[in-house]
Amino acid sequence: MVDETVSYDRKDGHRQAIDFAGYEVLGFPLKKRPDGYNPAFIRRWKLRRVAGNVLKRSLDLAGASAGLVLLLPLFALIAIAIKSTSRGPVFFLQQRHGLNGALFTVIKFRTMHMHMCDKSGISQTVANDPRVTWVGRFLRSSNFDELPQLFNVLKGDMSLVGPRPHVPGMFAAGVPYEIFDPRYMSRHQVRPGLTGLAQVNGFRGETKDRHAARMRLEHDLKYIENQSFLLDVKILADTVVQEFFKGSGY
């Protein structure tokens, strides 16, 4: 079981690759003078970076804590539905790439029949996938299966907003993602997110199509370049509207 999935019907716009040389997490360049970097600019940049990280982590802790408290009754109902309709545990655990590419265990509600689960995550879910239970179809279409990742956010493995965490060996257009696009590992310079810029722009799910795979990475890198507290809030608001009320995963 892998990332949330959805079909695509978009023409490849062949966007020019974004040049991220000289950029860091907060997304502004280190302006260089002929005799080296401006020390005053470096100090301001570091202060902004620290302040931005503290603000982002505060949003993560507050949002994840509030979400878990409010969603506790829903978690209980989902757990009962999963246990009463199929054999196996309520939660599905899987290794994903996190900050700086380090592996961590992501938590999801189990949506597949236990004997058909793919812990590697390389075999992506498709429409009408026979591995998915009927309860799992609802959880995927509403994206409720991702909600336990709020625990990952509290733990610090994830953020509320960031590039979606991928399984090791993730494929794009039939080849490893890092071969498909050498910039791929750059998406791991921030914590992965429960939602992200790619997802709210419609690029989520299967990466078999070259355009879909390319645009997911473009949006992930664009998020890193432009990361800010206000951008995170906007993405979270868009996610609530698009995913929880108009969910189209499978």
C-alpha atoms as a PDB file:
ATOM      1  CA  MET A   1       0.000   0.000   0.000  1.00  0.00           C
ATOM      2  CA  VAL A   2       1.404   3.321  -0.956  1.00  0.00           C
ATOM      3  CA  ASP A   3       0.576   6.954  -1.297  1.00  0.00           C
ATOM      4  CA  GLU A   4      -2.976   8.038  -2.086  1.00  0.00           C
ATOM      5  CA  THR A   5      -3.918   7.374  -5.726  1.00  0.00           C
ATOM      6  CA  VAL A   6      -5.981   9.004  -8.452  1.00  0.00           C
ATOM      7  CA  SER A   7      -6.119   8.923 -12.241  1.00  0.00           C
ATOM      8  CA  TYR A   8      -4.767  11.709 -14.449  1.00  0.00           C
ATOM      9  CA  ASP A   9      -5.958  13.260 -17.689  1.00  0.00           C
ATOM     10  CA  ARG A  10      -3.640  16.231 -18.208  1.00  0.00           C
ATOM     11  CA  LYS A  11      -1.344  17.205 -21.088  1.00  0.00           C
ATOM     12  CA  ASP A  12       2.361  17.434 -20.376  1.00  0.00           C
ATOM     13  CA  GLY A  13       3.243  21.114 -20.331  1.00  0.00           C
ATOM     14  CA  HIS A  14       7.009  20.333 -20.380  1.00  0.00           C
ATOM     15  CA  ARG A  15       7.711  22.943 -17.717  1.00  0.00           C
ATOM     16  CA  GLN A  16      11.305  24.036 -17.450  1.00  0.00           C
ATOM     17  CA  ALA A  17      13.081  22.448 -14.502  1.00  0.00           C
ATOM     18  CA  ILE A  18      13.396  24.742 -11.483  1.00  0.00           C
ATOM     19  CA  ASP A  19      16.950  25.680 -10.524  1.00  0.00           C
ATOM     20  CA  PHE A  20      17.257  25.358  -6.752  1.00  0.00           C
ATOM     21  CA  ALA A  21      20.968  26.061  -6.513  1.00  0.00           C
ATOM     22  CA  GLY A  22      21.705  28.368  -3.556  1.00  0.00           C
ATOM     23  CA  TYR A  23      18.322  27.828  -1.872  1.00  0.00           C
ATOM     24  CA  GLU A  24      17.668  26.493   1.586  1.00  0.00           C
ATOM     25  CA  VAL A  25      14.532  25.401   3.441  1.00  0.00           C
ATOM     26  CA  LEU A  26      12.932  28.830   3.709  1.00  0.00           C
ATOM     27  CA  GLY A  27      13.352  29.395   0.000  1.00  0.00           C
ATOM     28  CA  PHE A  28      15.399  32.544  -0.561  1.00  0.00           C
ATOM     29  CA  PRO A  29      18.894  32.702  -2.148  1.00  0.00           C
ATOM     30  CA  LEU A  30      22.139  33.460  -0.389  1.00  0.00           C
ATOM     31  CA  LYS A  31      23.210  36.644  -2.198  1.00  0.00           C
ATOM     32  CA  LYS A  32      26.928  36.591  -2.780  1.00  0.00           C
ATOM     33  CA  ARG A  33      29.262  39.591  -2.943  1.00  0.00           C
ATOM     34  CA  PRO A  34      32.514  39.552  -4.932  1.00  0.00           C
ATOM     35  CA  ASP A  35      34.447  39.058  -1.667  1.00  0.00           C
ATOM     36  CA  GLY A  36      32.086  36.413  -0.267  1.00  0.00           C
ATOM     37  CA  TYR A  37      28.667  36.132   1.402  1.00  0.00           C
ATOM     38  CA  ASN A  38      27.312  39.173   3.203  1.00  0.00           C
ATOM     39  CA  PRO A  39      27.640  38.335   6.963  1.00  0.00           C
ATOM     40  CA  ALA A  40      24.658  40.516   7.931  1.00  0.00           C
ATOM     41  CA  PHE A  41      22.489  38.776   5.347  1.00  0.00           C
ATOM     42  CA  ILE A  42      23.652  35.371   6.597  1.00  0.00           C
ATOM     43  CA  ARG A  43      22.677  36.293  10.183  1.00  0.00           C
ATOM     44  CA  ARG A  44      19.223  37.504   9.101  1.00  0.00           C
ATOM     45  CA  TRP A  45      18.779  34.401   6.992  1.00  0.00           C
ATOM     46  CA  LYS A  46      19.653  32.115   9.910  1.00  0.00           C
ATOM     47  CA  LEU A  47      17.280  33.967  12.245  1.00  0.00           C
ATOM     48  CA  ARG A  48      14.477  33.722   9.706  1.00  0.00           C
ATOM     49  CA  ARG A  49      15.173  30.063   9.226  1.00  0.00           C
ATOM     50  CA  VAL A  50      15.078  29.308  12.961  1.00  0.00           C
ATOM     51  CA  ALA A  51      11.928  31.412  13.476  1.00  0.00           C
ATOM     52  CA  GLY A  52      10.241  29.710  10.532  1.00  0.00           C
ATOM     53  CA  ASN A  53      11.106  26.236  11.839  1.00  0.00           C
ATOM     54  CA  VAL A  54       9.781  27.078  15.325  1.00  0.00           C
ATOM     55  CA  LEU A  55       6.548  28.495  13.900  1.00  0.00           C
ATOM     56  CA  LYS A  56       6.058  25.483  11.634  1.00  0.00           C
ATOM     57  CA  ARG A  57       6.654  23.012  14.452  1.00  0.00           C
ATOM     58  CA  SER A  58       4.240  24.927  16.694  1.00  0.00           C
ATOM     59  CA  LEU A  59       1.567  24.672  13.986  1.00  0.00           C
ATOM     60  CA  ASP A  60       2.268  20.945  13.671  1.00  0.00           C
ATOM     61  CA  LEU A  61       1.932  20.286  17.402  1.00  0.00           C
ATOM     62  CA  ALA A  62      -1.186  22.406  17.822  1.00  0.00           C
ATOM     63  CA  GLY A  63      -2.890  21.078  14.692  1.00  0.00           C
ATOM     64  CA  ALA A  64      -2.058  17.411  15.301  1.00  0.00           C
ATOM     65  CA  SER A  65      -3.078  17.565  18.978  1.00  0.00           C
ATOM     66  CA  ALA A  66      -6.385  19.272  18.219  1.00  0.00           C
ATOM     67  CA  GLY A  67      -7.042  16.921  15.331  1.00  0.00           C
ATOM     68  CA  LEU A  68      -6.499  13.788  17.414  1.00  0.00           C
ATOM     69  CA  VAL A  69      -8.781  15.029  20.192  1.00  0.00           C
ATOM     70  CA  LEU A  70     -11.572  16.026  17.802  1.00  0.00           C
ATOM     71  CA  LEU A  71     -11.250  12.904  15.652  1.00  0.00           C
ATOM     72  CA  LEU A  72     -11.075  10.365  18.493  1.00  0.00           C
ATOM     73  CA  PRO A  73     -14.742   9.257  18.064  1.00  0.00           C
ATOM     74  CA  LEU A  74     -14.174   8.854  14.306  1.00  0.00           C
ATOM     75  CA  PHE A  75     -11.031   6.790  14.964  1.00  0.00           C
ATOM     76  CA  ALA A  76     -13.058   4.471  17.207  1.00  0.00           C
ATOM     77  CA  LEU A  77     -15.780   3.980  14.568  1.00  0.00           C
ATOM     78  CA  ILE A  78     -13.221   3.304  11.843  1.00  0.00           C
ATOM     79  CA  ALA A  79     -11.403   0.774  14.044  1.00  0.00           C
ATOM     80  CA  ILE A  80     -14.659  -1.087  14.724  1.00  0.00           C
ATOM     81  CA  ALA A  81     -15.527  -1.110  10.999  1.00  0.00           C
ATOM     82  CA  ILE A  82     -12.124  -2.476  10.003  1.00  0.00           C
ATOM     83  CA  LYS A  83     -12.058  -5.219  12.654  1.00  0.00           C
ATOM     84  CA  SER A  84     -15.638  -6.321  12.024  1.00  0.00           C
ATOM     85  CA  THR A  85     -15.304  -6.647   8.234  1.00  0.00           C
ATOM     86  CA  SER A  86     -11.868  -8.199   7.678  1.00  0.00           C
ATOM     87  CA  ARG A  87      -9.178 -10.090   9.515  1.00  0.00           C
ATOM     88  CA  GLY A  88      -6.071  -8.301  10.598  1.00  0.00           C
ATOM     89  CA  PRO A  89      -4.917  -5.279  12.591  1.00  0.00           C
ATOM     90  CA  VAL A  90      -6.567  -1.868  12.497  1.00  0.00           C
ATOM     91  CA  PHE A  91      -3.369  -0.084  11.517  1.00  0.00           C
ATOM     92  CA  PHE A  92      -0.972  -0.657   8.644  1.00  0.00           C
ATOM     93  CA  LEU A  93       2.705   0.166   9.237  1.00  0.00           C
ATOM     94  CA  GLN A  94       5.141   0.889   6.442  1.00  0.00           C
ATOM     95  CA  GLN A  95       8.657   2.277   6.029  1.00  0.00           C
ATOM     96  CA  ARG A  96       8.875   5.654   4.294  1.00  0.00           C
ATOM     97  CA  HIS A  97      11.589   8.212   3.579  1.00  0.00           C
ATOM     98  CA  GLY A  98      11.607  11.132   6.019  1.00  0.00           C
ATOM     99  CA  LEU A  99      13.810  14.140   6.699  1.00  0.00           C
ATOM    100  CA  ASN A 100      17.179  13.827   4.916  1.00  0.00           C
ATOM    101  CA  GLY A 101      16.040  10.487   3.502  1.00  0.00           C
ATOM    102  CA  ALA A 102      16.055   8.702   6.878  1.00  0.00           C
ATOM    103  CA  LEU A 103      13.507   5.899   7.172  1.00  0.00           C
ATOM    104  CA  PHE A 104      10.591   6.054   9.623  1.00  0.00           C
ATOM    105  CA  THR A 105       7.439   4.010  10.183  1.00  0.00           C
ATOM    106  CA  VAL A 106       4.308   5.632   8.842  1.00  0.00           C
ATOM    107  CA  ILE A 107       0.910   4.772  10.383  1.00  0.00           C
ATOM    108  CA  LYS A 108      -2.252   4.331   8.333  1.00  0.00           C
ATOM    109  CA  PHE A 109      -5.610   2.656   8.775  1.00  0.00           C
ATOM    110  CA  ARG A 110      -5.474  -0.729   7.046  1.00  0.00           C
ATOM    111  CA  THR A 111      -7.484  -0.630   3.821  1.00  0.00           C
ATOM    112  CA  MET A 112      -6.469  -3.939   2.216  1.00  0.00           C
ATOM    113  CA  HIS A 113      -7.081  -7.595   2.929  1.00  0.00           C
ATOM    114  CA  MET A 114      -4.215  -8.653   5.186  1.00  0.00           C
ATOM    115  CA  HIS A 115      -2.928 -11.441   2.915  1.00  0.00           C
ATOM    116  CA  MET A 116      -2.780  -9.020  -0.030  1.00  0.00           C
ATOM    117  CA  CYS A 117      -0.988  -6.117   1.666  1.00  0.00           C
ATOM    118  CA  ASP A 118       2.216  -4.982  -0.002  1.00  0.00           C
ATOM    119  CA  LYS A 119       4.523  -3.713   2.739  1.00  0.00           C
ATOM    120  CA  SER A 120       7.111  -2.624   0.190  1.00  0.00           C
ATOM    121  CA  GLY A 121       4.597  -0.158  -1.270  1.00  0.00           C
ATOM    122  CA  ILE A 122       6.096  -0.508  -4.752  1.00  0.00           C
ATOM    123  CA  SER A 123       2.950  -2.143  -6.157  1.00  0.00           C
ATOM    124  CA  GLN A 124       0.739   0.933  -6.373  1.00  0.00           C
ATOM    125  CA  THR A 125      -2.994   0.850  -5.833  1.00  0.00           C
ATOM    126  CA  VAL A 126      -5.190   1.143  -8.936  1.00  0.00           C
ATOM    127  CA  ALA A 127      -8.880   1.791  -9.543  1.00  0.00           C
ATOM    128  CA  ASN A 128     -11.097  -1.115  -8.416  1.00  0.00           C
ATOM    129  CA  ASP A 129      -8.084  -2.794  -6.833  1.00  0.00           C
ATOM    130  CA  PRO A 130      -9.230  -6.244  -5.547  1.00  0.00           C
ATOM    131  CA  ARG A 131      -6.828  -5.951  -2.618  1.00  0.00           C
ATOM    132  CA  VAL A 132      -8.860  -3.103  -1.087  1.00  0.00           C
ATOM    133  CA  THR A 133     -11.713  -3.946   1.292  1.00  0.00           C
ATOM    134  CA  TRP A 134     -15.074  -2.222   0.972  1.00  0.00           C
ATOM    135  CA  VAL A 135     -14.364  -0.279   4.153  1.00  0.00           C
ATOM    136  CA  GLY A 136     -10.943   0.518   2.720  1.00  0.00           C
ATOM    137  CA  ARG A 137     -12.526   2.010  -0.409  1.00  0.00           C
ATOM    138  CA  PHE A 138     -14.437   4.487   1.726  1.00  0.00           C
ATOM    139  CA  LEU A 139     -11.362   5.312   3.787  1.00  0.00           C
ATOM    140  CA  ARG A 140      -9.288   5.921   0.663  1.00  0.00           C
ATOM    141  CA  SER A 141     -11.945   7.966  -1.130  1.00  0.00           C
ATOM    142  CA  SER A 142     -12.297  10.203   1.925  1.00  0.00           C
ATOM    143  CA  ASN A 143      -8.557  10.047   2.770  1.00  0.00           C
ATOM    144  CA  PHE A 144      -9.494   9.008   6.310  1.00  0.00           C
ATOM    145  CA  ASP A 145      -6.896   6.224   6.017  1.00  0.00           C
ATOM    146  CA  GLU A 146      -4.173   8.888   6.321  1.00  0.00           C
ATOM    147  CA  LEU A 147      -5.450  10.385   9.596  1.00  0.00           C
ATOM    148  CA  PRO A 148      -3.341   8.203  11.935  1.00  0.00           C
ATOM    149  CA  GLN A 149      -0.311  10.012  10.521  1.00  0.00           C
ATOM    150  CA  LEU A 150      -1.211  12.758  12.985  1.00  0.00           C
ATOM    151  CA  PHE A 151       0.691  10.546  15.451  1.00  0.00           C
ATOM    152  CA  ASN A 152       3.702  10.735  13.122  1.00  0.00           C
ATOM    153  CA  VAL A 153       3.366  14.526  13.180  1.00  0.00           C
ATOM    154  CA  LEU A 154       3.353  14.618  16.989  1.00  0.00           C
ATOM    155  CA  LYS A 155       6.368  12.322  17.073  1.00  0.00           C
ATOM    156  CA  GLY A 156       8.262  14.634  14.737  1.00  0.00           C
ATOM    157  CA  ASP A 157       8.640  12.209  11.836  1.00  0.00           C
ATOM    158  CA  MET A 158       6.262  14.283   9.723  1.00  0.00           C
ATOM    159  CA  SER A 159       4.793  17.754   9.416  1.00  0.00           C
ATOM    160  CA  LEU A 160       1.213  18.716   8.645  1.00  0.00           C
ATOM    161  CA  VAL A 161       2.402  20.152   5.320  1.00  0.00           C
ATOM    162  CA  GLY A 162       5.261  18.948   3.145  1.00  0.00           C
ATOM    163  CA  PRO A 163       6.072  16.523   0.327  1.00  0.00           C
ATOM    164  CA  ARG A 164       4.208  13.252   0.825  1.00  0.00           C
ATOM    165  CA  PRO A 165       6.460  10.501   2.247  1.00  0.00           C
ATOM    166  CA  HIS A 166       7.422   7.883  -0.329  1.00  0.00           C
ATOM    167  CA  VAL A 167       8.426   4.274   0.128  1.00  0.00           C
ATOM    168  CA  PRO A 168      12.046   3.291  -0.586  1.00  0.00           C
ATOM    169  CA  GLY A 169      12.444   2.352  -4.235  1.00  0.00           C
ATOM    170  CA  MET A 170       9.512   4.499  -5.396  1.00  0.00           C
ATOM    171  CA  PHE A 171       9.029   4.206  -9.156  1.00  0.00           C
ATOM    172  CA  ALA A 172       8.196   6.970 -11.610  1.00  0.00           C
ATOM    173  CA  ALA A 173       7.272   6.084 -15.200  1.00  0.00           C
ATOM    174  CA  GLY A 174       8.662   2.594 -14.681  1.00  0.00           C
ATOM    175  CA  VAL A 175      12.092   3.531 -13.286  1.00  0.00           C
ATOM    176  CA  PRO A 176      13.377   4.509  -9.818  1.00  0.00           C
ATOM    177  CA  TYR A 177      12.373   8.097  -9.094  1.00  0.00           C
ATOM    178  CA  GLU A 178      15.977   9.247  -8.531  1.00  0.00           C
ATOM    179  CA  ILE A 179      16.850   8.012 -12.030  1.00  0.00           C
ATOM    180  CA  PHE A 180      13.711   9.542 -13.534  1.00  0.00           C
ATOM    181  CA  ASP A 181      14.747  12.926 -12.108  1.00  0.00           C
ATOM    182  CA  PRO A 182      18.121  13.523 -10.371  1.00  0.00           C
ATOM    183  CA  ARG A 183      16.508  16.220  -8.195  1.00  0.00           C
ATOM    184  CA  TYR A 184      14.313  13.643  -6.473  1.00  0.00           C
ATOM    185  CA  MET A 185      16.317  13.328  -3.234  1.00  0.00           C
ATOM    186  CA  SER A 186      16.158  17.116  -2.785  1.00  0.00           C
ATOM    187  CA  ARG A 187      12.514  16.725  -1.735  1.00  0.00           C
ATOM    188  CA  HIS A 188      13.743  15.085   1.479  1.00  0.00           C
ATOM    189  CA  GLN A 189      15.412  18.223   2.850  1.00  0.00           C
ATOM    190  CA  VAL A 190      12.213  18.962   4.806  1.00  0.00           C
ATOM    191  CA  ARG A 191       9.941  16.713   6.852  1.00  0.00           C
ATOM    192  CA  PRO A 192       7.316  14.908   4.754  1.00  0.00           C
ATOM    193  CA  GLY A 193       3.758  16.106   5.174  1.00  0.00           C
ATOM    194  CA  LEU A 194       0.269  14.802   5.754  1.00  0.00           C
ATOM    195  CA  THR A 195      -0.645  16.944   2.751  1.00  0.00           C
ATOM    196  CA  GLY A 196       1.314  19.105   0.359  1.00  0.00           C
ATOM    197  CA  LEU A 197       1.367  21.549  -2.526  1.00  0.00           C
ATOM    198  CA  ALA A 198       1.287  18.735  -5.109  1.00  0.00           C
ATOM    199  CA  GLN A 199      -1.793  17.144  -3.541  1.00  0.00           C
ATOM    200  CA  VAL A 200      -3.904  20.320  -3.433  1.00  0.00           C
ATOM    201  CA  ASN A 201      -2.982  20.988  -7.071  1.00  0.00           C
ATOM    202  CA  GLY A 202      -4.286  17.604  -8.200  1.00  0.00           C
ATOM    203  CA  PHE A 203      -0.982  15.742  -8.484  1.00  0.00           C
ATOM    204  CA  ARG A 204      -1.394  12.857  -6.113  1.00  0.00           C
ATOM    205  CA  GLY A 205      -1.375   9.092  -6.400  1.00  0.00           C
ATOM    206  CA  GLU A 206       0.081   6.907  -9.094  1.00  0.00           C
ATOM    207  CA  THR A 207       3.335   7.966 -10.711  1.00  0.00           C
ATOM    208  CA  LYS A 208       3.239   5.689 -13.747  1.00  0.00           C
ATOM    209  CA  ASP A 209       2.524   8.629 -16.042  1.00  0.00           C
ATOM    210  CA  ARG A 210       5.614  10.748 -16.810  1.00  0.00           C
ATOM    211  CA  HIS A 211       3.785  14.056 -16.580  1.00  0.00           C
ATOM    212  CA  ALA A 212       2.127  13.168 -13.263  1.00  0.00           C
ATOM    213  CA  ALA A 213       5.441  12.000 -11.777  1.00  0.00           C
ATOM    214  CA  ARG A 214       7.285  15.087 -13.002  1.00  0.00           C
ATOM    215  CA  MET A 215       4.664  17.537 -11.772  1.00  0.00           C
ATOM    216  CA  ARG A 216       4.485  15.962  -8.310  1.00  0.00           C
ATOM    217  CA  LEU A 217       8.209  16.522  -7.928  1.00  0.00           C
ATOM    218  CA  GLU A 218       8.010  20.044  -9.374  1.00  0.00           C
ATOM    219  CA  HIS A 219       5.368  21.006  -6.810  1.00  0.00           C
ATOM    220  CA  ASP A 220       7.317  19.381  -3.952  1.00  0.00           C
ATOM    221  CA  LEU A 221      10.440  21.351  -4.825  1.00  0.00           C
ATOM    222  CA  LYS A 222       8.420  24.515  -5.362  1.00  0.00           C
ATOM    223  CA  TYR A 223       6.987  24.118  -1.863  1.00  0.00           C
ATOM    224  CA  ILE A 224      10.471  23.844  -0.369  1.00  0.00           C
ATOM    225  CA  GLU A 225      11.507  26.975  -2.255  1.00  0.00           C
ATOM    226  CA  ASN A 226       8.498  29.003  -1.054  1.00  0.00           C
ATOM    227  CA  GLN A 227       7.803  27.437   2.345  1.00  0.00           C
ATOM    228  CA  SER A 228       6.137  29.786   4.831  1.00  0.00           C
ATOM    229  CA  PHE A 229       3.622  29.728   7.669  1.00  0.00           C
ATOM    230  CA  LEU A 230       0.931  31.370   5.516  1.00  0.00           C
ATOM    231  CA  LEU A 231       1.515  28.891   2.682  1.00  0.00           C
ATOM    232  CA  ASP A 232       1.114  25.991   5.130  1.00  0.00           C
ATOM    233  CA  VAL A 233      -2.162  27.426   6.427  1.00  0.00           C
ATOM    234  CA  LYS A 234      -3.478  27.874   2.877  1.00  0.00           C
ATOM    235  CA  ILE A 235      -2.542  24.308   1.907  1.00  0.00           C
ATOM    236  CA  LEU A 236      -4.230  22.944   5.040  1.00  0.00           C
ATOM    237  CA  ALA A 237      -7.414  24.890   4.277  1.00  0.00           C
ATOM    238  CA  ASP A 238      -7.409  23.703   0.651  1.00  0.00           C
ATOM    239  CA  THR A 239      -6.865  20.126   1.831  1.00  0.00           C
ATOM    240  CA  VAL A 240      -9.884  20.191   4.128  1.00  0.00           C
ATOM    241  CA  VAL A 241     -12.088  21.350   1.252  1.00  0.00           C
ATOM    242  CA  GLN A 242     -10.624  19.225  -1.540  1.00  0.00           C
ATOM    243  CA  GLU A 243      -9.784  15.981   0.222  1.00  0.00           C
ATOM    244  CA  PHE A 244     -12.222  15.514   3.060  1.00  0.00           C
ATOM    245  CA  PHE A 245     -15.283  16.860   1.245  1.00  0.00           C
ATOM    246  CA  LYS A 246     -14.337  16.054  -2.356  1.00  0.00           C
ATOM    247  CA  GLY A 247     -11.993  13.113  -1.871  1.00  0.00           C
ATOM    248  CA  SER A 248     -11.240  11.108  -5.016  1.00  0.00           C
ATOM    249  CA  GLY A 249      -8.584   8.625  -3.927  1.00  0.00           C
ATOM    250  CA  TYR A 250      -8.907   4.862  -4.335  1.00  0.00           C
END
